[in-house]
Protein backbone atom coordinates (compact mmCIF):
# COMPACT_ATOMS: atom_id res chain seq x y z
CA MET A 1 -22.40 14.90 27.39
CA GLU A 2 -18.85 14.54 26.05
CA THR A 3 -17.61 14.01 22.53
CA TYR A 4 -14.34 12.42 21.54
CA SER A 5 -12.05 13.78 18.90
CA GLU A 6 -9.56 11.79 16.82
CA GLU A 7 -7.96 14.99 15.61
CA ALA A 8 -6.44 16.06 18.93
CA GLY A 9 -2.72 15.45 18.78
CA ALA A 10 -2.84 14.24 15.17
CA GLY A 11 0.18 16.27 14.18
CA ARG A 12 2.30 15.14 17.13
CA ARG A 13 2.36 11.40 16.52
CA GLY A 14 4.57 9.86 13.84
CA ILE A 15 3.80 6.82 11.79
CA ASP A 16 3.25 3.42 13.35
CA PHE A 17 6.04 1.32 11.86
CA LYS A 18 4.59 -1.96 13.16
CA ALA A 19 1.32 -1.19 11.38
CA ALA A 20 3.19 -0.21 8.20
CA LEU A 21 5.19 -3.44 8.34
CA GLY A 22 2.04 -5.51 8.91
CA ALA A 23 0.14 -3.73 6.14
CA GLY A 24 3.05 -4.08 3.70
CA LEU A 25 3.59 -7.77 4.39
CA GLY A 26 -0.13 -8.62 4.47
CA VAL A 27 -1.07 -6.80 1.29
CA GLY A 28 2.22 -7.86 -0.33
CA LEU A 29 1.35 -11.51 0.28
CA LEU A 30 -2.15 -10.91 -1.06
CA ILE A 31 -0.70 -9.36 -4.21
CA ALA A 32 1.69 -12.35 -4.46
CA LEU A 33 -1.37 -14.62 -4.48
CA PHE A 34 -2.93 -12.51 -7.23
CA PRO A 35 0.19 -11.24 -9.04
CA ARG A 36 -1.38 -8.40 -10.94
CA GLY A 37 -3.98 -7.51 -8.36
CA ASN A 38 -6.51 -9.56 -10.24
CA PRO A 39 -7.53 -13.17 -9.51
CA TRP A 40 -8.42 -13.66 -13.19
CA SER A 41 -4.96 -12.72 -14.42
CA SER A 42 -3.07 -15.05 -16.73
CA LEU A 43 -0.32 -15.23 -14.12
CA THR A 44 -0.51 -17.74 -11.30
CA PHE A 45 0.59 -17.64 -7.68
CA PHE A 46 3.89 -19.23 -8.65
CA SER A 47 4.74 -16.75 -11.40
CA PRO A 48 7.86 -14.74 -10.55
CA THR A 49 6.42 -11.23 -10.27
CA VAL A 50 7.45 -8.16 -8.31
CA MET A 51 4.58 -5.70 -7.81
CA GLY A 52 2.77 -6.95 -10.92
CA ARG A 53 5.81 -6.92 -13.18
CA THR A 54 7.10 -10.31 -14.41
CA MET A 55 10.71 -10.78 -13.41
CA GLY A 56 13.05 -13.33 -14.92
CA GLU A 57 12.22 -16.07 -17.37
CA PRO A 58 8.84 -17.83 -17.32
CA GLY A 59 9.11 -20.77 -14.98
CA SER A 60 11.91 -19.25 -12.90
CA SER A 61 11.83 -19.35 -9.12
CA PHE A 62 8.81 -17.88 -7.37
CA LEU A 63 10.78 -17.58 -4.12
CA ALA A 64 13.52 -15.60 -5.85
CA ALA A 65 10.91 -12.99 -6.78
CA LEU A 66 8.97 -13.18 -3.48
CA LEU A 67 11.72 -11.66 -1.32
CA PRO A 68 12.21 -8.51 -3.46
CA HIS A 69 8.42 -8.27 -3.82
CA LEU A 70 7.90 -8.29 -0.05
CA GLY A 71 10.79 -5.88 0.48
CA LEU A 72 9.29 -3.49 -2.04
CA SER A 73 5.87 -3.96 -0.43
CA VAL A 74 7.20 -2.93 2.98
CA GLY A 75 9.04 0.05 1.47
CA TYR A 76 5.93 1.15 -0.39
CA ALA A 77 3.85 0.68 2.79
CA ILE A 78 6.17 2.96 4.77
CA LEU A 79 5.86 5.63 2.07
CA ILE A 80 2.08 5.26 2.08
CA ALA A 81 2.02 5.44 5.89
CA LEU A 82 4.01 8.70 5.78
CA VAL A 83 1.30 10.21 3.61
CA VAL A 84 -1.84 8.80 5.26
CA HIS A 85 -1.04 8.61 8.97
CA HIS A 86 -2.74 11.91 9.77
CA LEU A 87 -5.78 11.41 7.49
CA HIS A 88 -9.17 9.94 8.33
CA ARG A 89 -9.96 6.48 6.96
CA VAL A 90 -11.72 7.31 3.67
CA LYS A 91 -9.33 10.12 2.76
CA ALA A 92 -6.41 7.87 3.73
CA VAL A 93 -7.56 5.12 1.39
CA LEU A 94 -7.98 7.60 -1.48
CA ALA A 95 -4.56 9.11 -0.73
CA GLY A 96 -3.11 5.58 -0.67
CA GLY A 97 -4.46 5.04 -4.17
CA ALA A 98 -2.86 8.30 -5.28
CA VAL A 99 0.48 7.23 -3.75
CA GLY A 100 0.16 3.86 -5.50
CA ALA A 101 -0.39 5.67 -8.81
CA ALA A 102 2.61 7.92 -8.16
CA LEU A 103 4.75 4.88 -7.33
CA PHE A 104 3.64 3.34 -10.63
CA VAL A 105 4.86 6.42 -12.51
CA ILE A 106 8.26 6.14 -10.81
CA ASN A 107 8.31 2.40 -11.55
CA TRP A 108 7.41 3.02 -15.19
CA LEU A 109 10.13 5.66 -15.57
CA VAL A 110 12.74 3.28 -14.15
CA PHE A 111 11.71 0.39 -16.38
CA HIS A 112 11.15 2.54 -19.47
CA TYR A 113 14.44 4.45 -19.34
CA LEU A 114 16.83 2.28 -17.31
CA VAL A 115 15.66 -1.29 -17.98
CA LYS A 116 14.79 -1.11 -21.66
CA ASP A 117 13.37 -4.62 -21.96
CA GLY A 118 11.34 -4.52 -18.73
CA ALA A 119 8.37 -2.39 -19.80
CA GLY A 120 5.17 -4.04 -20.97
CA HIS A 121 1.52 -4.59 -19.99
CA GLU A 122 1.57 -1.28 -18.15
CA SER A 123 -2.20 -1.07 -17.58
CA VAL A 124 -2.23 -4.18 -15.39
CA ILE A 125 0.90 -3.02 -13.56
CA PHE A 126 -0.82 0.33 -12.94
CA PHE A 127 -3.85 -1.55 -11.59
CA THR A 128 -1.57 -3.55 -9.26
CA HIS A 129 0.05 -0.39 -7.89
CA LEU A 130 -3.32 1.32 -7.48
CA ALA A 131 -4.86 -1.69 -5.72
CA PHE A 132 -1.79 -2.04 -3.52
CA GLY A 133 -1.96 1.62 -2.50
CA LEU A 134 -5.68 1.48 -1.70
CA MET A 135 -5.47 -1.77 0.27
CA THR A 136 -2.28 -0.84 2.11
CA ALA A 137 -3.65 2.51 3.25
CA GLY A 138 -6.80 0.80 4.54
CA ALA A 139 -4.77 -1.93 6.24
CA TYR A 140 -2.43 0.63 7.79
CA LYS A 141 -5.32 2.66 9.21
CA GLY A 142 -6.89 -0.52 10.56
CA LEU A 143 -3.65 -1.78 12.15
CA SER A 144 -2.29 1.50 13.52
CA ARG A 145 -2.82 2.41 17.12
CA PRO A 146 -5.81 4.70 17.53
CA MET A 147 -5.19 8.25 18.55
CA VAL A 148 -5.79 9.14 22.17
CA ALA A 149 -9.31 10.47 22.48
CA THR A 150 -9.76 13.74 24.28
CA ALA A 151 -12.96 14.67 25.98
CA SER A 152 -14.50 18.03 25.21
CA PRO A 153 -17.69 19.24 26.83
CA VAL A 154 -20.66 19.89 24.62
CA ALA A 155 -23.23 22.46 25.64
CA SER A 156 -26.71 21.02 25.92
CA ASN A 157 -29.79 22.99 24.97
CA GLY A 158 -32.07 21.07 27.26
């Protein structure tokens, strides 16, 4: 009887950029549908938001915010892929949540210290980053090419 191992060669393969791009765009579009990661949010699909943070004046162009949102989503997805590409699925999803939380902290620092009027409603923005990290890590692991399985003999007692 043979068993197959996902771990063989795990350190030799880099990230799958196609999977990171697909995960970033897919989850980014999902977050655009639910701007703060929550379908019950006061924001609608057409609210100009970038990763949960309202950009511009209320009623300004949704498309003007969609392009930076998707660009940021792909960038975040590549960072998440760098962290989770060698992890198993459950650990990868948890690590993706941790990366999302870390990205929120960076985002908060930028908006708190550099863009003085941009900070506000930070709990829902944190939730958006956390949900994005969790979903993107899961999507990346689902879309990435599986590792080559190696056969290893197992001694039988029978």
